[in-house]
Amino acid sequence: MIQLLASMNVLILGGRAPVALELGRLFHKGGHKVFSAESFPYSLLSHSNTISGRFSIPSPRNNLNDYKEALIKIIDNNNIDLVIPTCEEVYYIAKLRDEFPKKSKIFVDRFEKIMKLHNKWHFIQQAKKYNLPVPETILLNTSNKNRLVTKKSRVVLKPVYSRFSTKTIITENPNLSIKKIKISQVPVETSYEGKKRGAEPAPPGMRG
């Protein structure tokens, strides 16, 4: 559990997201100093008057080690007490969290747990263990794609790892759509969800 100090230096990552801007405002209002680090050229948070410092850092996708070293330098130079990643930064920070200075608290869970919950197939299986209502779901992959036949009149096809409905297909001709899917164009596994009209859609995912 992370204990909040009366006054902290807080580093927020992924400042392009509205939630990062809101977090910056809330921490500033609470009497904390807020810093922003972003690898994208534009950031909502970096233009906020609640920010005490803004930093441009390398993309973790292109060079994870340079990304880590840049963050360590920011943490050390600004006596950062708390690091809060948002957006895809969560996955990279979770992977690196034990490599940051121990004086800073990293607000992220274990990489293995995050990826398990991010995976739509594993998420559905975990929800079923807690007797939560979930849509009928089948894992579609290269070994069963050509053999799978469903009597459902309407299904949702989506990658196991995706966000904002990226590459999601809602079809009323599921057997034809399943045959047309090119597994190589999406992550190895794709989930198939039988969807009844009016039912709640499956929880969305995010791509790391």
Protein backbone atom coordinates (compact mmCIF):
# COMPACT_ATOMS: atom_id res chain seq x y z
CA MET A 1 0.00 0.00 0.00
CA ILE A 2 1.29 3.47 -0.90
CA GLN A 3 1.06 6.04 1.89
CA LEU A 4 0.63 9.61 0.70
CA LEU A 5 2.77 12.28 2.33
CA ALA A 6 1.47 15.71 3.29
CA SER A 7 3.50 17.27 0.48
CA MET A 8 4.97 15.27 -2.38
CA ASN A 9 6.71 15.67 -5.69
CA VAL A 10 4.57 13.68 -8.12
CA LEU A 11 5.63 12.60 -11.61
CA ILE A 12 2.75 11.79 -13.98
CA LEU A 13 3.43 9.88 -17.20
CA GLY A 14 1.17 9.79 -20.25
CA GLY A 15 0.16 13.43 -19.99
CA ARG A 16 -1.61 13.30 -23.35
CA ALA A 17 -4.60 11.66 -21.63
CA PRO A 18 -7.39 13.73 -20.04
CA VAL A 19 -7.13 11.57 -16.90
CA ALA A 20 -3.51 12.69 -16.48
CA LEU A 21 -4.59 16.33 -16.64
CA GLU A 22 -7.26 15.68 -14.01
CA LEU A 23 -4.74 13.91 -11.76
CA GLY A 24 -2.36 16.84 -12.13
CA ARG A 25 -5.06 19.28 -11.06
CA LEU A 26 -6.09 17.16 -8.08
CA PHE A 27 -2.55 16.72 -6.77
CA HIS A 28 -1.80 20.41 -7.28
CA LYS A 29 -4.98 21.33 -5.42
CA GLY A 30 -3.88 19.02 -2.61
CA GLY A 31 -0.65 20.97 -2.15
CA HIS A 32 1.71 18.71 -4.08
CA LYS A 33 4.24 19.63 -6.79
CA VAL A 34 3.37 17.98 -10.10
CA PHE A 35 5.79 17.08 -12.89
CA SER A 36 5.05 15.67 -16.33
CA ALA A 37 7.17 13.40 -18.56
CA GLU A 38 5.98 12.53 -22.05
CA SER A 39 7.41 10.85 -25.14
CA PHE A 40 4.70 12.22 -27.44
CA PRO A 41 5.21 15.66 -29.05
CA TYR A 42 1.96 17.00 -27.59
CA SER A 43 0.67 16.65 -24.06
CA LEU A 44 -2.40 18.09 -22.38
CA LEU A 45 -0.76 18.01 -18.98
CA SER A 46 2.43 19.78 -20.07
CA HIS A 47 0.40 22.92 -20.92
CA SER A 48 -1.35 23.04 -17.56
CA ASN A 49 -0.49 25.80 -15.08
CA THR A 50 -0.52 23.17 -12.34
CA ILE A 51 2.81 21.76 -13.56
CA SER A 52 6.09 22.59 -11.84
CA GLY A 53 8.21 20.86 -14.46
CA ARG A 54 7.74 19.19 -17.84
CA PHE A 55 10.13 16.80 -19.54
CA SER A 56 10.43 15.22 -22.97
CA ILE A 57 11.64 11.61 -22.80
CA PRO A 58 12.45 8.86 -25.34
CA SER A 59 9.73 6.50 -26.45
CA PRO A 60 9.79 3.23 -24.50
CA ARG A 61 8.66 1.42 -27.63
CA ASN A 62 11.83 2.42 -29.47
CA ASN A 63 14.39 2.20 -26.68
CA LEU A 64 13.31 0.93 -23.29
CA ASN A 65 16.70 1.43 -21.65
CA ASP A 66 16.94 5.10 -22.71
CA TYR A 67 13.38 5.59 -21.47
CA LYS A 68 14.27 4.08 -18.09
CA GLU A 69 17.47 6.13 -17.73
CA ALA A 70 15.66 9.36 -18.60
CA LEU A 71 13.04 8.67 -15.92
CA ILE A 72 15.66 7.79 -13.30
CA LYS A 73 17.41 11.10 -14.01
CA ILE A 74 14.12 13.02 -13.60
CA ILE A 75 13.32 11.16 -10.38
CA ASP A 76 16.76 11.86 -8.90
CA ASN A 77 17.01 15.50 -10.00
CA ASN A 78 13.53 16.43 -8.77
CA ASN A 79 13.30 14.27 -5.64
CA ILE A 80 10.19 12.53 -6.99
CA ASP A 81 8.20 10.78 -4.25
CA LEU A 82 5.50 9.20 -6.40
CA VAL A 83 5.40 8.09 -10.05
CA ILE A 84 1.96 7.61 -11.64
CA PRO A 85 1.89 6.13 -15.16
CA THR A 86 -1.22 6.39 -17.34
CA CYS A 87 -2.01 5.02 -20.82
CA GLU A 88 0.38 2.42 -22.27
CA GLU A 89 3.15 3.67 -19.98
CA VAL A 90 1.60 1.43 -17.31
CA TYR A 91 2.97 -1.69 -19.01
CA TYR A 92 6.50 -0.39 -19.41
CA ILE A 93 6.66 1.00 -15.88
CA ALA A 94 5.29 -2.26 -14.46
CA LYS A 95 8.05 -4.12 -16.30
CA LEU A 96 10.72 -1.74 -14.95
CA ARG A 97 9.31 -0.88 -11.52
CA ASP A 98 12.00 -2.67 -9.50
CA GLU A 99 14.75 -0.78 -11.37
CA PHE A 100 13.73 2.71 -10.22
CA PRO A 101 15.17 4.46 -7.14
CA LYS A 102 13.75 2.94 -3.97
CA LYS A 103 12.99 6.39 -2.54
CA SER A 104 10.17 6.77 -5.08
CA LYS A 105 6.87 4.93 -4.90
CA ILE A 106 5.74 3.52 -8.25
CA PHE A 107 1.96 3.45 -8.53
CA VAL A 108 1.60 0.28 -10.60
CA ASP A 109 0.97 -3.40 -9.94
CA ARG A 110 3.02 -6.39 -11.03
CA PHE A 111 3.55 -6.76 -14.78
CA GLU A 112 2.28 -10.35 -14.79
CA LYS A 113 -1.00 -9.41 -13.10
CA ILE A 114 -1.60 -6.43 -15.40
CA MET A 115 -1.01 -8.45 -18.55
CA LYS A 116 -3.27 -11.25 -17.32
CA LEU A 117 -6.14 -8.80 -16.79
CA HIS A 118 -5.39 -7.00 -20.05
CA ASN A 119 -5.78 -10.28 -21.95
CA LYS A 120 -9.50 -10.48 -22.77
CA TRP A 121 -9.57 -14.28 -22.68
CA HIS A 122 -7.90 -14.49 -19.26
CA PHE A 123 -10.05 -11.61 -17.99
CA ILE A 124 -13.23 -13.50 -18.89
CA GLN A 125 -11.94 -16.68 -17.24
CA GLN A 126 -11.03 -14.76 -14.08
CA ALA A 127 -14.47 -13.11 -13.95
CA LYS A 128 -16.13 -16.53 -14.24
CA LYS A 129 -14.22 -17.72 -11.17
CA TYR A 130 -15.99 -15.01 -9.19
CA ASN A 131 -19.38 -15.99 -10.65
CA LEU A 132 -19.67 -12.69 -12.52
CA PRO A 133 -21.93 -12.63 -15.61
CA VAL A 134 -19.85 -12.78 -18.78
CA PRO A 135 -20.67 -13.31 -22.47
CA GLU A 136 -20.13 -16.77 -23.91
CA THR A 137 -16.54 -16.63 -25.11
CA ILE A 138 -14.42 -18.91 -27.26
CA LEU A 139 -10.69 -18.51 -27.86
CA LEU A 140 -10.00 -18.37 -31.58
CA ASN A 141 -6.52 -19.19 -32.86
CA THR A 142 -4.73 -20.63 -35.87
CA SER A 143 -5.42 -24.21 -34.83
CA ASN A 144 -9.21 -23.97 -34.55
CA LYS A 145 -10.13 -21.06 -36.86
CA ASN A 146 -11.08 -23.23 -39.82
CA ARG A 147 -12.97 -25.77 -37.70
CA LEU A 148 -15.04 -23.40 -35.60
CA VAL A 149 -18.73 -23.23 -36.47
CA THR A 150 -21.28 -21.31 -34.41
CA LYS A 151 -25.07 -21.17 -34.46
CA LYS A 152 -25.03 -17.68 -32.99
CA SER A 153 -26.70 -15.09 -35.20
CA ARG A 154 -24.56 -12.21 -33.98
CA VAL A 155 -21.06 -12.25 -32.53
CA VAL A 156 -18.22 -9.91 -31.65
CA LEU A 157 -14.72 -10.72 -32.86
CA LYS A 158 -11.85 -8.86 -31.24
CA PRO A 159 -8.13 -9.31 -30.60
CA VAL A 160 -7.13 -10.60 -27.19
CA TYR A 161 -5.01 -7.46 -26.79
CA SER A 162 -6.65 -4.29 -28.08
CA ARG A 163 -8.08 -0.96 -26.96
CA PHE A 164 -10.84 1.40 -28.03
CA SER A 165 -12.47 -1.35 -30.14
CA THR A 166 -9.44 -1.53 -32.44
CA LYS A 167 -9.97 -4.28 -35.06
CA THR A 168 -13.26 -5.26 -33.43
CA ILE A 169 -15.82 -6.83 -35.76
CA ILE A 170 -19.53 -7.06 -34.94
CA THR A 171 -21.05 -9.44 -37.44
CA GLU A 172 -24.34 -11.21 -38.17
CA ASN A 173 -22.55 -13.64 -40.45
CA PRO A 174 -20.07 -15.02 -37.92
CA ASN A 175 -18.98 -18.20 -39.67
CA LEU A 176 -17.98 -16.29 -42.80
CA SER A 177 -16.26 -13.57 -40.79
CA ILE A 178 -14.32 -16.10 -38.74
CA LYS A 179 -13.02 -17.76 -41.90
CA LYS A 180 -11.91 -14.40 -43.31
CA ILE A 181 -9.92 -13.35 -40.25
CA LYS A 182 -6.19 -13.32 -40.85
CA ILE A 183 -4.73 -14.27 -37.51
CA SER A 184 -1.32 -12.95 -38.55
CA GLN A 185 -2.75 -9.42 -38.66
CA VAL A 186 -3.69 -9.47 -34.97
CA PRO A 187 -2.02 -10.97 -31.88
CA VAL A 188 -1.82 -14.76 -31.97
CA GLU A 189 -5.09 -15.23 -30.11
CA THR A 190 -8.41 -13.59 -30.89
CA SER A 191 -11.45 -13.91 -28.66
CA TYR A 192 -14.89 -14.70 -30.06
CA GLU A 193 -17.85 -13.59 -28.00
CA GLY A 194 -21.41 -14.67 -28.59
CA LYS A 195 -23.43 -11.49 -28.08
CA LYS A 196 -27.15 -11.30 -27.40
CA ARG A 197 -29.00 -8.18 -28.44
CA GLY A 198 -29.19 -5.76 -25.55
CA ALA A 199 -26.48 -7.52 -23.56
CA GLU A 200 -23.57 -5.55 -22.11
CA PRO A 201 -20.41 -5.73 -24.22
CA ALA A 202 -17.30 -7.36 -22.83
CA PRO A 203 -14.91 -5.16 -20.83
CA PRO A 204 -12.58 -3.24 -23.15
CA GLY A 205 -8.85 -3.85 -23.24
CA MET A 206 -5.77 -1.71 -23.82
CA ARG A 207 -2.82 -2.46 -25.97
CA GLY A 208 0.61 -2.33 -24.43
